[in-house]
């Protein structure tokens, strides 16, 4: 059985990494805007359960900030991995061309 024939295009990996970085930057802007949203304690009314609603909202808002931070970290790792892969493919291809004495 032979191996499947495929070609990696490092420039495609670089483009995808750049797209991921743009998306990460958008998430950072969203996180900043959401962090600036403050809901006053009386916003949920003056009934006995309003304090619990306010606490629940604050817990949810804090959790969303952490979720966005975690997602941005994952996107950073993904973009970095794609860039490293692209660089490795380029180095390998350059090394092969050097070994066989050919150019691109």
N, C-alpha and C. Protein backbone atom coordinates (compact mmCIF):
# COMPACT_ATOMS: atom_id res chain seq x y z
N UNK A 1 0.83 -1.17 0.00
CA UNK A 1 0.00 0.00 0.00
C UNK A 1 0.87 1.24 0.00
N UNK A 2 0.53 2.19 -0.80
CA UNK A 2 1.33 3.41 -0.85
C UNK A 2 0.66 4.50 -0.01
N UNK A 3 1.48 5.44 0.37
CA UNK A 3 0.99 6.58 1.14
C UNK A 3 0.18 7.50 0.23
N UNK A 4 -0.83 8.15 0.77
CA UNK A 4 -1.60 9.09 -0.06
C UNK A 4 -0.73 10.30 -0.43
N UNK A 5 -0.94 10.80 -1.60
CA UNK A 5 -0.17 11.94 -2.08
C UNK A 5 -0.85 13.22 -1.60
N UNK A 6 -0.13 14.04 -0.88
CA UNK A 6 -0.70 15.32 -0.45
C UNK A 6 0.41 16.37 -0.42
N UNK A 7 -0.01 17.60 -0.45
CA UNK A 7 0.95 18.71 -0.42
C UNK A 7 0.46 19.72 0.61
N UNK A 8 1.36 20.12 1.46
CA UNK A 8 1.05 21.14 2.46
C UNK A 8 1.47 22.49 1.90
N UNK A 9 0.60 23.44 2.02
CA UNK A 9 0.90 24.80 1.56
C UNK A 9 1.08 25.68 2.81
N UNK A 10 2.36 25.93 3.17
CA UNK A 10 2.62 26.71 4.38
C UNK A 10 1.94 28.08 4.37
N UNK A 11 1.80 28.68 3.19
CA UNK A 11 1.14 30.00 3.13
C UNK A 11 -0.33 29.90 3.54
N UNK A 12 -0.96 28.76 3.28
CA UNK A 12 -2.35 28.56 3.72
C UNK A 12 -2.41 28.45 5.24
N UNK A 13 -1.43 27.78 5.83
CA UNK A 13 -1.37 27.69 7.29
C UNK A 13 -1.17 29.08 7.89
N UNK A 14 -0.30 29.88 7.26
CA UNK A 14 -0.07 31.24 7.75
C UNK A 14 -1.33 32.11 7.64
N UNK A 15 -2.07 31.96 6.54
CA UNK A 15 -3.31 32.73 6.37
C UNK A 15 -4.33 32.35 7.44
N UNK A 16 -4.44 31.07 7.70
CA UNK A 16 -5.39 30.61 8.71
C UNK A 16 -4.97 31.10 10.10
N UNK A 17 -3.68 31.07 10.38
CA UNK A 17 -3.18 31.58 11.67
C UNK A 17 -3.51 33.07 11.81
N UNK A 18 -3.36 33.83 10.73
CA UNK A 18 -3.68 35.26 10.77
C UNK A 18 -5.18 35.47 11.02
N UNK A 19 -6.01 34.64 10.40
CA UNK A 19 -7.45 34.74 10.62
C UNK A 19 -7.80 34.45 12.08
N UNK A 20 -7.18 33.44 12.64
CA UNK A 20 -7.41 33.10 14.05
C UNK A 20 -6.99 34.26 14.94
N UNK A 21 -5.87 34.89 14.62
CA UNK A 21 -5.42 36.03 15.42
C UNK A 21 -6.40 37.20 15.32
N UNK A 22 -6.96 37.43 14.15
CA UNK A 22 -7.96 38.49 14.00
C UNK A 22 -9.19 38.18 14.86
N UNK A 23 -9.62 36.93 14.85
CA UNK A 23 -10.77 36.54 15.65
C UNK A 23 -10.48 36.69 17.14
N UNK A 24 -9.27 36.38 17.53
CA UNK A 24 -8.86 36.53 18.92
C UNK A 24 -8.91 38.00 19.32
N UNK A 25 -8.46 38.88 18.44
CA UNK A 25 -8.50 40.31 18.72
C UNK A 25 -9.94 40.81 18.85
N UNK A 26 -10.83 40.28 18.04
CA UNK A 26 -12.24 40.64 18.15
C UNK A 26 -12.80 40.20 19.50
N UNK A 27 -12.44 39.01 19.93
CA UNK A 27 -12.89 38.53 21.23
C UNK A 27 -12.35 39.40 22.37
N UNK A 28 -11.12 39.86 22.23
CA UNK A 28 -10.54 40.72 23.26
C UNK A 28 -11.33 42.03 23.36
N UNK A 29 -11.73 42.57 22.21
CA UNK A 29 -12.54 43.80 22.23
C UNK A 29 -13.90 43.53 22.87
N UNK A 30 -14.51 42.42 22.53
CA UNK A 30 -15.81 42.06 23.13
C UNK A 30 -15.66 41.88 24.63
N UNK A 31 -14.61 41.21 25.05
CA UNK A 31 -14.39 40.99 26.48
C UNK A 31 -14.25 42.32 27.21
N UNK A 32 -13.53 43.24 26.61
CA UNK A 32 -13.34 44.55 27.22
C UNK A 32 -14.66 45.29 27.38
N UNK A 33 -15.49 45.25 26.35
CA UNK A 33 -16.80 45.91 26.41
C UNK A 33 -17.67 45.26 27.49
N UNK A 34 -17.70 43.93 27.51
CA UNK A 34 -18.52 43.24 28.51
C UNK A 34 -18.03 43.48 29.93
N UNK A 35 -16.72 43.61 30.08
CA UNK A 35 -16.17 43.86 31.42
C UNK A 35 -16.61 45.22 31.94
N UNK A 36 -16.88 46.14 31.03
CA UNK A 36 -17.32 47.47 31.44
C UNK A 36 -18.80 47.58 31.76
N UNK A 37 -19.55 46.52 31.55
CA UNK A 37 -20.99 46.55 31.83
C UNK A 37 -21.20 46.26 33.32
N UNK A 38 -21.80 47.21 33.99
CA UNK A 38 -22.10 47.03 35.40
C UNK A 38 -23.59 47.14 35.59
N UNK A 39 -24.15 46.17 36.23
CA UNK A 39 -25.59 46.17 36.50
C UNK A 39 -25.76 46.47 37.99
N UNK A 40 -26.41 47.58 38.30
CA UNK A 40 -26.59 47.93 39.72
C UNK A 40 -27.50 46.93 40.44
N UNK A 41 -27.33 46.87 41.73
CA UNK A 41 -28.07 45.91 42.53
C UNK A 41 -29.58 46.01 42.40
N UNK A 42 -30.11 47.19 42.23
CA UNK A 42 -31.56 47.34 42.16
C UNK A 42 -32.14 47.09 40.79
N UNK A 43 -31.31 46.72 39.83
CA UNK A 43 -31.77 46.53 38.45
C UNK A 43 -32.75 45.38 38.31
N UNK A 44 -32.73 44.46 39.24
CA UNK A 44 -33.60 43.29 39.15
C UNK A 44 -34.85 43.45 40.01
N UNK A 45 -35.10 44.67 40.46
CA UNK A 45 -36.30 44.94 41.24
C UNK A 45 -36.02 44.92 42.72
N UNK A 46 -37.08 45.06 43.48
CA UNK A 46 -36.95 45.13 44.93
C UNK A 46 -37.64 43.96 45.64
N UNK A 47 -37.99 42.97 44.91
CA UNK A 47 -38.60 41.79 45.50
C UNK A 47 -37.52 40.96 46.21
N UNK A 48 -37.92 40.07 47.09
CA UNK A 48 -36.94 39.29 47.86
C UNK A 48 -35.94 38.51 46.99
N UNK A 49 -36.37 38.01 45.85
CA UNK A 49 -35.47 37.22 45.01
C UNK A 49 -34.56 38.07 44.12
N UNK A 50 -34.73 39.37 44.13
CA UNK A 50 -33.94 40.21 43.23
C UNK A 50 -32.45 40.16 43.56
N UNK A 51 -32.12 40.05 44.84
CA UNK A 51 -30.69 39.96 45.21
C UNK A 51 -30.08 38.67 44.66
N UNK A 52 -30.84 37.58 44.71
CA UNK A 52 -30.34 36.32 44.16
C UNK A 52 -30.17 36.41 42.64
N UNK A 53 -31.09 37.09 41.98
CA UNK A 53 -30.96 37.28 40.53
C UNK A 53 -29.71 38.09 40.21
N UNK A 54 -29.47 39.12 41.00
CA UNK A 54 -28.29 39.96 40.78
C UNK A 54 -27.01 39.16 41.01
N UNK A 55 -26.99 38.37 42.05
CA UNK A 55 -25.82 37.51 42.31
C UNK A 55 -25.61 36.51 41.17
N UNK A 56 -26.71 35.93 40.71
CA UNK A 56 -26.62 34.98 39.59
C UNK A 56 -26.10 35.65 38.34
N UNK A 57 -26.57 36.85 38.08
CA UNK A 57 -26.07 37.60 36.91
C UNK A 57 -24.57 37.84 37.05
N UNK A 58 -24.14 38.30 38.22
CA UNK A 58 -22.71 38.58 38.42
C UNK A 58 -21.86 37.33 38.27
N UNK A 59 -22.36 36.20 38.78
CA UNK A 59 -21.62 34.94 38.61
C UNK A 59 -21.51 34.57 37.13
N UNK A 60 -22.61 34.74 36.42
CA UNK A 60 -22.62 34.44 34.99
C UNK A 60 -21.65 35.37 34.24
N UNK A 61 -21.66 36.65 34.56
CA UNK A 61 -20.78 37.62 33.90
C UNK A 61 -19.32 37.29 34.17
N UNK A 62 -19.01 36.92 35.41
CA UNK A 62 -17.64 36.54 35.76
C UNK A 62 -17.22 35.27 35.01
N UNK A 63 -18.14 34.32 34.93
CA UNK A 63 -17.86 33.08 34.20
C UNK A 63 -17.61 33.36 32.72
N UNK A 64 -18.37 34.26 32.14
CA UNK A 64 -18.18 34.60 30.72
C UNK A 64 -16.82 35.25 30.49
N UNK A 65 -16.39 36.08 31.41
CA UNK A 65 -15.05 36.68 31.29
C UNK A 65 -13.98 35.59 31.29
N UNK A 66 -14.14 34.62 32.18
CA UNK A 66 -13.17 33.52 32.24
C UNK A 66 -13.25 32.67 30.96
N UNK A 67 -14.45 32.41 30.48
CA UNK A 67 -14.61 31.62 29.25
C UNK A 67 -13.94 32.32 28.08
N UNK A 68 -14.12 33.63 27.98
CA UNK A 68 -13.48 34.37 26.89
C UNK A 68 -11.96 34.33 27.01
N UNK A 69 -11.46 34.46 28.22
CA UNK A 69 -10.00 34.36 28.44
C UNK A 69 -9.48 32.99 28.03
N UNK A 70 -10.20 31.94 28.41
CA UNK A 70 -9.79 30.58 28.06
C UNK A 70 -9.81 30.39 26.54
N UNK A 71 -10.87 30.89 25.89
CA UNK A 71 -10.98 30.75 24.44
C UNK A 71 -9.85 31.51 23.74
N UNK A 72 -9.54 32.70 24.21
CA UNK A 72 -8.45 33.47 23.59
C UNK A 72 -7.10 32.76 23.76
N UNK A 73 -6.92 32.11 24.89
CA UNK A 73 -5.69 31.35 25.11
C UNK A 73 -5.59 30.18 24.13
N UNK A 74 -6.70 29.48 23.92
CA UNK A 74 -6.73 28.37 22.97
C UNK A 74 -6.43 28.89 21.56
N UNK A 75 -7.03 30.01 21.20
CA UNK A 75 -6.78 30.58 19.87
C UNK A 75 -5.32 30.98 19.71
N UNK A 76 -4.71 31.52 20.77
CA UNK A 76 -3.28 31.85 20.72
C UNK A 76 -2.44 30.61 20.43
N UNK A 77 -2.75 29.52 21.14
CA UNK A 77 -2.02 28.27 20.94
C UNK A 77 -2.24 27.73 19.52
N UNK A 78 -3.46 27.82 19.03
CA UNK A 78 -3.76 27.32 17.68
C UNK A 78 -3.00 28.12 16.62
N UNK A 79 -3.02 29.43 16.73
CA UNK A 79 -2.32 30.27 15.76
C UNK A 79 -0.82 30.01 15.82
N UNK A 80 -0.29 29.91 17.01
CA UNK A 80 1.14 29.64 17.17
C UNK A 80 1.50 28.28 16.58
N UNK A 81 0.66 27.28 16.82
CA UNK A 81 0.91 25.94 16.27
C UNK A 81 0.89 25.94 14.75
N UNK A 82 -0.05 26.67 14.16
CA UNK A 82 -0.11 26.75 12.70
C UNK A 82 1.13 27.46 12.14
N UNK A 83 1.56 28.52 12.80
CA UNK A 83 2.76 29.23 12.35
C UNK A 83 3.99 28.35 12.47
N UNK A 84 4.09 27.62 13.57
CA UNK A 84 5.23 26.71 13.75
C UNK A 84 5.21 25.60 12.69
N UNK A 85 4.03 25.06 12.41
CA UNK A 85 3.91 24.01 11.39
C UNK A 85 4.33 24.53 10.03
N UNK A 86 3.87 25.73 9.69
CA UNK A 86 4.23 26.33 8.40
C UNK A 86 5.74 26.50 8.31
N UNK A 87 6.35 26.99 9.38
CA UNK A 87 7.80 27.19 9.39
C UNK A 87 8.53 25.85 9.26
N UNK A 88 8.04 24.82 9.94
CA UNK A 88 8.67 23.49 9.86
C UNK A 88 8.57 22.92 8.45
N UNK A 89 7.40 23.07 7.82
CA UNK A 89 7.26 22.58 6.45
C UNK A 89 8.20 23.32 5.50
N UNK A 90 8.33 24.63 5.68
CA UNK A 90 9.26 25.40 4.83
C UNK A 90 10.70 24.94 5.02
N UNK A 91 11.10 24.77 6.29
CA UNK A 91 12.47 24.32 6.58
C UNK A 91 12.73 22.93 5.99
N UNK A 92 11.77 22.04 6.13
CA UNK A 92 11.92 20.69 5.59
C UNK A 92 12.03 20.73 4.07
N UNK A 93 11.16 21.50 3.45
CA UNK A 93 11.19 21.60 1.99
C UNK A 93 12.50 22.22 1.51
N UNK A 94 12.96 23.25 2.19
CA UNK A 94 14.24 23.87 1.83
C UNK A 94 15.38 22.88 1.99
N UNK A 95 15.34 22.09 3.08
CA UNK A 95 16.38 21.10 3.30
C UNK A 95 16.39 20.02 2.23
N UNK A 96 15.22 19.59 1.80
CA UNK A 96 15.14 18.58 0.74
C UNK A 96 15.69 19.14 -0.57
N UNK A 97 15.30 20.37 -0.89
CA UNK A 97 15.79 20.97 -2.13
C UNK A 97 17.30 21.16 -2.09
N UNK A 98 17.84 21.49 -0.93
CA UNK A 98 19.28 21.64 -0.79
C UNK A 98 19.99 20.31 -0.96
N UNK A 99 19.41 19.24 -0.37
CA UNK A 99 20.02 17.91 -0.46
C UNK A 99 20.06 17.40 -1.90
N UNK A 100 19.02 17.63 -2.65
CA UNK A 100 18.98 17.11 -4.01
C UNK A 100 19.54 18.10 -5.01
N UNK A 101 19.95 19.27 -4.52
CA UNK A 101 20.62 20.24 -5.38
C UNK A 101 19.70 20.98 -6.32
N UNK A 102 18.44 21.00 -6.03
CA UNK A 102 17.52 21.69 -6.90
C UNK A 102 17.01 22.96 -6.29
N UNK A 103 16.34 23.70 -7.08
CA UNK A 103 15.69 24.92 -6.61
C UNK A 103 14.19 24.69 -6.58
N UNK A 104 13.55 25.70 -6.22
CA UNK A 104 12.09 25.59 -6.14
C UNK A 104 11.47 25.83 -7.45
